[in-house]
Structures are given as C-alpha cells and as structure tokens.
Amino acid sequence: MQVQFYSDSTVMGTQEVATRIEARVREKLARFEERLTRLEVHVHDEHRHTHGHDDKACTLEARPRGGRAIGVTEHGSTVDDAARKAAITLAQRLQRHFGKETKHKKDPRPEKQL
C-alpha cells in the first residue's frame, strides 16, 4: 500500500510529522493493507487565523483494489489527534465495506447434470 502525505502551509508538515502520522495510520489499517492500493493523508488547519478547539483536520482517502475510493474527515485539537480519529473511522468503514463484499459474493453456479 502506497501512502501519500499532504499538508497545507498552516500545518507544520515536517517529515517527522508525516512519518509519525503515517506509522499510526498504517498500524490501524494493517489488516486491510493487502486490499488497498493507495492511502492519501491530508492534514490542514480549518481556522487558519484563529486558534481554537478541534480546528485541525485530517482527511484519509483509501483506494481499495478495483473499487471506489473511501474517504473520511475528522477534527482534533492537534493533527495527531485528528489523524488518530480519522484512522479509527476509516478502519470501521473499511470493515463494513469488505464485510459486505464477502457477504454478497455469490457462489459459482453448479454444473448442470444431464
């Protein structure tokens, strides 16, 4: 699974922050790693000029193999907190997505006997 990290100028998007968030997200989504081709992490500050509670946001977008992208956005007082919340929510969504996929997978038709 390829992980891409993006941040805007309002968030300290240093390599240390990117590495820390990527490790945390990979750990939370490890069980889905074989089923995903790419994961995009976007962090930004929603209220650039004011400092407030839960003003940092993290958007995670997962790309399942052969499927449509699944995205979530969560807010927190720090980018780490927002990323942790987003990883938990995305793990729940992926669990539902892949659970439905296996639940609705049809068995092959049996061979007809003549």
C-alpha atoms as a PDB file:
ATOM      1  CA  MET A   1       0.000   0.000   0.000  1.00  0.00           C
ATOM      2  CA  GLN A   2       1.392   3.343  -1.047  1.00  0.00           C
ATOM      3  CA  VAL A   3       0.889   6.223   1.405  1.00  0.00           C
ATOM      4  CA  GLN A   4       0.910   9.844   0.235  1.00  0.00           C
ATOM      5  CA  PHE A   5       1.026  12.687   2.772  1.00  0.00           C
ATOM      6  CA  TYR A   6      -0.186  16.215   2.034  1.00  0.00           C
ATOM      7  CA  SER A   7      -0.339  19.275   4.264  1.00  0.00           C
ATOM      8  CA  ASP A   8      -1.043  22.924   3.648  1.00  0.00           C
ATOM      9  CA  SER A   9       1.074  25.845   4.800  1.00  0.00           C
ATOM     10  CA  THR A  10      -0.882  26.280   8.047  1.00  0.00           C
ATOM     11  CA  VAL A  11       0.242  22.925   9.436  1.00  0.00           C
ATOM     12  CA  MET A  12       3.818  22.109  10.250  1.00  0.00           C
ATOM     13  CA  GLY A  13       4.162  19.440   7.566  1.00  0.00           C
ATOM     14  CA  THR A  14       7.635  18.344   8.518  1.00  0.00           C
ATOM     15  CA  GLN A  15       8.985  14.939   7.694  1.00  0.00           C
ATOM     16  CA  GLU A  16       8.766  13.991  11.379  1.00  0.00           C
ATOM     17  CA  VAL A  17       5.029  14.743  11.498  1.00  0.00           C
ATOM     18  CA  ALA A  18       4.427  12.872   8.242  1.00  0.00           C
ATOM     19  CA  THR A  19       6.388   9.836   9.452  1.00  0.00           C
ATOM     20  CA  ARG A  20       4.617   9.791  12.817  1.00  0.00           C
ATOM     21  CA  ILE A  21       1.130  10.067  11.300  1.00  0.00           C
ATOM     22  CA  GLU A  22       1.888   7.518   8.565  1.00  0.00           C
ATOM     23  CA  ALA A  23       3.095   4.988  11.154  1.00  0.00           C
ATOM     24  CA  ARG A  24      -0.018   5.465  13.274  1.00  0.00           C
ATOM     25  CA  VAL A  25      -2.367   5.139  10.276  1.00  0.00           C
ATOM     26  CA  ARG A  26      -0.512   2.087   8.897  1.00  0.00           C
ATOM     27  CA  GLU A  27      -0.757   0.416  12.298  1.00  0.00           C
ATOM     28  CA  LYS A  28      -4.513   0.990  12.493  1.00  0.00           C
ATOM     29  CA  LEU A  29      -5.163  -0.146   8.903  1.00  0.00           C
ATOM     30  CA  ALA A  30      -2.629  -3.015   8.780  1.00  0.00           C
ATOM     31  CA  ARG A  31      -5.295  -5.700   8.361  1.00  0.00           C
ATOM     32  CA  PHE A  32      -6.504  -4.040   5.135  1.00  0.00           C
ATOM     33  CA  GLU A  33      -3.051  -3.389   3.634  1.00  0.00           C
ATOM     34  CA  GLU A  34      -3.261  -6.186   1.036  1.00  0.00           C
ATOM     35  CA  ARG A  35      -6.658  -4.952  -0.172  1.00  0.00           C
ATOM     36  CA  LEU A  36      -5.665  -1.291  -0.621  1.00  0.00           C
ATOM     37  CA  THR A  37      -3.549   0.183  -3.391  1.00  0.00           C
ATOM     38  CA  ARG A  38      -3.108   3.682  -2.018  1.00  0.00           C
ATOM     39  CA  LEU A  39      -3.868   5.796   1.013  1.00  0.00           C
ATOM     40  CA  GLU A  40      -3.846   9.586   0.931  1.00  0.00           C
ATOM     41  CA  VAL A  41      -3.443  11.608   4.129  1.00  0.00           C
ATOM     42  CA  HIS A  42      -4.391  15.307   4.027  1.00  0.00           C
ATOM     43  CA  VAL A  43      -3.882  17.468   7.126  1.00  0.00           C
ATOM     44  CA  HIS A  44      -4.846  21.113   7.410  1.00  0.00           C
ATOM     45  CA  ASP A  45      -5.974  23.828   9.793  1.00  0.00           C
ATOM     46  CA  GLU A  46      -9.581  24.811   9.137  1.00  0.00           C
ATOM     47  CA  HIS A  47      -9.389  28.123  11.010  1.00  0.00           C
ATOM     48  CA  ARG A  48      -6.060  29.454   9.836  1.00  0.00           C
ATOM     49  CA  HIS A  49      -6.020  32.756  11.660  1.00  0.00           C
ATOM     50  CA  THR A  50      -7.634  31.745  14.937  1.00  0.00           C
ATOM     51  CA  HIS A  51      -6.633  29.090  17.400  1.00  0.00           C
ATOM     52  CA  GLY A  52      -9.448  27.069  18.779  1.00  0.00           C
ATOM     53  CA  HIS A  53     -10.545  23.668  19.887  1.00  0.00           C
ATOM     54  CA  ASP A  54     -10.733  20.985  17.178  1.00  0.00           C
ATOM     55  CA  ASP A  55      -9.529  23.240  14.396  1.00  0.00           C
ATOM     56  CA  LYS A  56      -7.060  20.748  12.861  1.00  0.00           C
ATOM     57  CA  ALA A  57      -8.495  18.331  10.309  1.00  0.00           C
ATOM     58  CA  CYS A  58      -7.274  15.079   8.808  1.00  0.00           C
ATOM     59  CA  THR A  59      -8.799  13.535   5.706  1.00  0.00           C
ATOM     60  CA  LEU A  60      -7.932   9.943   4.852  1.00  0.00           C
ATOM     61  CA  GLU A  61      -8.810   8.517   1.457  1.00  0.00           C
ATOM     62  CA  ALA A  62      -8.320   4.793   0.877  1.00  0.00           C
ATOM     63  CA  ARG A  63      -8.332   3.208  -2.573  1.00  0.00           C
ATOM     64  CA  PRO A  64      -9.458  -0.432  -2.477  1.00  0.00           C
ATOM     65  CA  ARG A  65      -8.264  -2.656  -5.318  1.00  0.00           C
ATOM     66  CA  GLY A  66     -10.829  -2.487  -8.092  1.00  0.00           C
ATOM     67  CA  GLY A  67     -13.205  -0.282  -6.118  1.00  0.00           C
ATOM     68  CA  ARG A  68     -14.161   3.300  -5.469  1.00  0.00           C
ATOM     69  CA  ALA A  69     -12.308   5.495  -3.002  1.00  0.00           C
ATOM     70  CA  ILE A  70     -13.496   5.624   0.604  1.00  0.00           C
ATOM     71  CA  GLY A  71     -12.795   8.842   2.483  1.00  0.00           C
ATOM     72  CA  VAL A  72     -13.281  10.213   5.980  1.00  0.00           C
ATOM     73  CA  THR A  73     -12.540  13.539   7.666  1.00  0.00           C
ATOM     74  CA  GLU A  74     -12.078  14.031  11.398  1.00  0.00           C
ATOM     75  CA  HIS A  75     -11.166  17.029  13.533  1.00  0.00           C
ATOM     76  CA  GLY A  76      -8.961  17.388  16.589  1.00  0.00           C
ATOM     77  CA  SER A  77      -7.008  19.894  18.621  1.00  0.00           C
ATOM     78  CA  THR A  78      -3.764  18.556  17.057  1.00  0.00           C
ATOM     79  CA  VAL A  79      -3.058  16.910  13.717  1.00  0.00           C
ATOM     80  CA  ASP A  80      -2.069  13.727  15.570  1.00  0.00           C
ATOM     81  CA  ASP A  81      -5.415  13.630  17.348  1.00  0.00           C
ATOM     82  CA  ALA A  82      -7.314  14.266  14.108  1.00  0.00           C
ATOM     83  CA  ALA A  83      -5.296  11.538  12.324  1.00  0.00           C
ATOM     84  CA  ARG A  84      -5.973   9.041  15.117  1.00  0.00           C
ATOM     85  CA  LYS A  85      -9.723   9.705  14.956  1.00  0.00           C
ATOM     86  CA  ALA A  86      -9.722   9.509  11.147  1.00  0.00           C
ATOM     87  CA  ALA A  87      -7.827   6.193  11.178  1.00  0.00           C
ATOM     88  CA  ILE A  88     -10.357   4.680  13.597  1.00  0.00           C
ATOM     89  CA  THR A  89     -13.301   5.862  11.490  1.00  0.00           C
ATOM     90  CA  LEU A  90     -11.698   4.666   8.240  1.00  0.00           C
ATOM     91  CA  ALA A  91     -10.978   1.247   9.758  1.00  0.00           C
ATOM     92  CA  GLN A  92     -14.663   0.933  10.671  1.00  0.00           C
ATOM     93  CA  ARG A  93     -15.751   1.947   7.166  1.00  0.00           C
ATOM     94  CA  LEU A  94     -13.321  -0.467   5.521  1.00  0.00           C
ATOM     95  CA  GLN A  95     -14.503  -3.265   7.801  1.00  0.00           C
ATOM     96  CA  ARG A  96     -18.091  -2.635   6.684  1.00  0.00           C
ATOM     97  CA  HIS A  97     -17.041  -2.301   3.028  1.00  0.00           C
ATOM     98  CA  PHE A  98     -15.045  -5.526   2.890  1.00  0.00           C
ATOM     99  CA  GLY A  99     -17.559  -7.333   5.083  1.00  0.00           C
ATOM    100  CA  LYS A 100     -20.362  -6.532   2.656  1.00  0.00           C
ATOM    101  CA  GLU A 101     -18.169  -7.547  -0.256  1.00  0.00           C
ATOM    102  CA  THR A 102     -17.658 -11.056   1.122  1.00  0.00           C
ATOM    103  CA  LYS A 103     -21.234 -11.320   2.387  1.00  0.00           C
ATOM    104  CA  HIS A 104     -22.742 -10.588  -1.030  1.00  0.00           C
ATOM    105  CA  LYS A 105     -20.248 -12.551  -3.075  1.00  0.00           C
ATOM    106  CA  LYS A 106     -22.176 -15.205  -4.951  1.00  0.00           C
ATOM    107  CA  ASP A 107     -21.104 -18.793  -5.205  1.00  0.00           C
ATOM    108  CA  PRO A 108     -20.413 -20.026  -8.707  1.00  0.00           C
ATOM    109  CA  ARG A 109     -23.310 -21.800 -10.367  1.00  0.00           C
ATOM    110  CA  PRO A 110     -23.112 -25.558 -10.029  1.00  0.00           C
ATOM    111  CA  GLU A 111     -22.598 -27.596 -13.157  1.00  0.00           C
ATOM    112  CA  LYS A 112     -25.824 -28.962 -14.571  1.00  0.00           C
ATOM    113  CA  GLN A 113     -26.095 -32.706 -14.699  1.00  0.00           C
ATOM    114  CA  LEU A 114     -27.885 -34.139 -17.694  1.00  0.00           C
END
